[in-house]
C-alpha atoms as a PDB file:
ATOM      1  CA  MET A   1      77.346  81.835  71.572  1.00  0.00           C
ATOM      2  CA  ILE A   2      77.814  80.123  74.923  1.00  0.00           C
ATOM      3  CA  GLU A   3      81.145  78.681  73.766  1.00  0.00           C
ATOM      4  CA  ASN A   4      82.375  82.167  72.835  1.00  0.00           C
ATOM      5  CA  ARG A   5      81.443  83.444  76.288  1.00  0.00           C
ATOM      6  CA  LEU A   6      83.288  80.554  77.908  1.00  0.00           C
ATOM      7  CA  VAL A   7      86.383  81.267  75.845  1.00  0.00           C
ATOM      8  CA  ASP A   8      86.185  84.953  76.825  1.00  0.00           C
ATOM      9  CA  ILE A   9      85.853  84.060  80.497  1.00  0.00           C
ATOM     10  CA  GLU A  10      88.790  81.649  80.304  1.00  0.00           C
ATOM     11  CA  MET A  11      90.941  84.300  78.637  1.00  0.00           C
ATOM     12  CA  LYS A  12      90.047  86.885  81.260  1.00  0.00           C
ATOM     13  CA  LEU A  13      90.793  84.390  84.013  1.00  0.00           C
ATOM     14  CA  SER A  14      94.205  83.585  82.583  1.00  0.00           C
ATOM     15  CA  TYR A  15      95.060  87.308  82.343  1.00  0.00           C
ATOM     16  CA  GLN A  16      93.915  87.825  85.917  1.00  0.00           C
ATOM     17  CA  GLU A  17      96.050  84.929  87.145  1.00  0.00           C
ATOM     18  CA  GLU A  18      99.100  86.386  85.382  1.00  0.00           C
ATOM     19  CA  THR A  19      98.386  89.826  86.844  1.00  0.00           C
ATOM     20  CA  ILE A  20      98.092  88.343  90.327  1.00  0.00           C
ATOM     21  CA  ARG A  21     101.452  86.569  89.897  1.00  0.00           C
ATOM     22  CA  GLU A  22     103.084  89.815  88.771  1.00  0.00           C
ATOM     23  CA  LEU A  23     101.577  91.791  91.639  1.00  0.00           C
ATOM     24  CA  ASN A  24     102.686  89.158  94.111  1.00  0.00           C
ATOM     25  CA  GLY A  25     106.237  89.488  92.808  1.00  0.00           C
ATOM     26  CA  VAL A  26     106.094  93.258  93.194  1.00  0.00           C
ATOM     27  CA  VAL A  27     104.769  92.998  96.752  1.00  0.00           C
ATOM     28  CA  CYS A  28     107.493  90.485  97.682  1.00  0.00           C
ATOM     29  CA  GLU A  29     110.213  92.774  96.305  1.00  0.00           C
ATOM     30  CA  GLN A  30     108.750  95.753  98.150  1.00  0.00           C
ATOM     31  CA  GLN A  31     108.720  93.798 101.403  1.00  0.00           C
ATOM     32  CA  LYS A  32     112.378  92.883 100.927  1.00  0.00           C
ATOM     33  CA  ARG A  33     113.227  96.556 100.396  1.00  0.00           C
ATOM     34  CA  ILE A  34     111.188  97.573 103.456  1.00  0.00           C
ATOM     35  CA  ASP A  35     112.987  94.971 105.573  1.00  0.00           C
ATOM     36  CA  HIS A  36     116.355  96.224 104.316  1.00  0.00           C
ATOM     37  CA  LEU A  37     115.459  99.861 104.996  1.00  0.00           C
ATOM     38  CA  GLU A  38     114.283  98.981 108.503  1.00  0.00           C
ATOM     39  CA  SER A  39     117.593  97.295 109.256  1.00  0.00           C
ATOM     40  CA  VAL A  40     119.535 100.294 107.905  1.00  0.00           C
ATOM     41  CA  TYR A  41     117.357 102.643 109.962  1.00  0.00           C
ATOM     42  CA  LYS A  42     118.012 100.637 113.129  1.00  0.00           C
ATOM     43  CA  LEU A  43     121.743 100.718 112.446  1.00  0.00           C
ATOM     44  CA  PHE A  44     121.737 104.500 111.942  1.00  0.00           C
ATOM     45  CA  ALA A  45     119.560 105.057 115.007  1.00  0.00           C
ATOM     46  CA  SER A  46     121.996 103.000 117.059  1.00  0.00           C
ATOM     47  CA  ARG A  47     124.966 104.963 115.748  1.00  0.00           C
ATOM     48  CA  VAL A  48     123.280 108.299 116.466  1.00  0.00           C
ATOM     49  CA  LYS A  49     122.521 107.155 120.009  1.00  0.00           C
ATOM     50  CA  ASP A  50     126.119 106.034 120.472  1.00  0.00           C
ATOM     51  CA  LEU A  51     127.409 109.384 119.219  1.00  0.00           C
ATOM     52  CA  SER A  52     124.962 111.222 121.434  1.00  0.00           C
ATOM     53  CA  ASP A  53     126.120 109.226 124.445  1.00  0.00           C
ATOM     54  CA  ALA A  54     129.748 109.892 123.488  1.00  0.00           C
ATOM     55  CA  ILE A  55     129.240 113.673 123.590  1.00  0.00           C
ATOM     56  CA  GLY A  56     127.453 113.592 126.903  1.00  0.00           C
ATOM     57  CA  GLY A  57     123.907 112.822 125.868  1.00  0.00           C
ATOM     58  CA  LYS A  58     123.240 116.275 124.463  1.00  0.00           C
ATOM     59  CA  PRO A  59     122.932 116.467 120.686  1.00  0.00           C
ATOM     60  CA  PRO A  60     124.959 119.286 119.100  1.00  0.00           C
ATOM     61  CA  ILE A  61     121.800 120.741 117.539  1.00  0.00           C
ATOM     62  CA  ASP A  62     120.543 121.733 120.975  1.00  0.00           C
ATOM     63  CA  GLU A  63     123.759 123.494 121.949  1.00  0.00           C
ATOM     64  CA  LYS A  64     123.749 127.279 121.893  1.00  0.00           C
ATOM     65  CA  PRO A  65     126.410 128.979 119.812  1.00  0.00           C
ATOM     66  CA  PRO A  66     129.377 130.391 121.794  1.00  0.00           C
ATOM     67  CA  HIS A  67     128.218 134.032 121.395  1.00  0.00           C
ATOM     68  CA  TYR A  68     125.105 133.513 123.560  1.00  0.00           C
END
């Protein structure tokens, strides 16, 4: 009886260790994607700022149409 419980505990532990390894891999991949997206965001933000500066600092969205 005690041996069966030990075997059950060992099996559960091995499954938990495998699950932890898999989750760690997922978290590492997600962090890589987050880092990549942050770098892309910074690049786009820089380009938008450059374009805004090039047109005089006023974004075209804020401009009134010519008929006003």
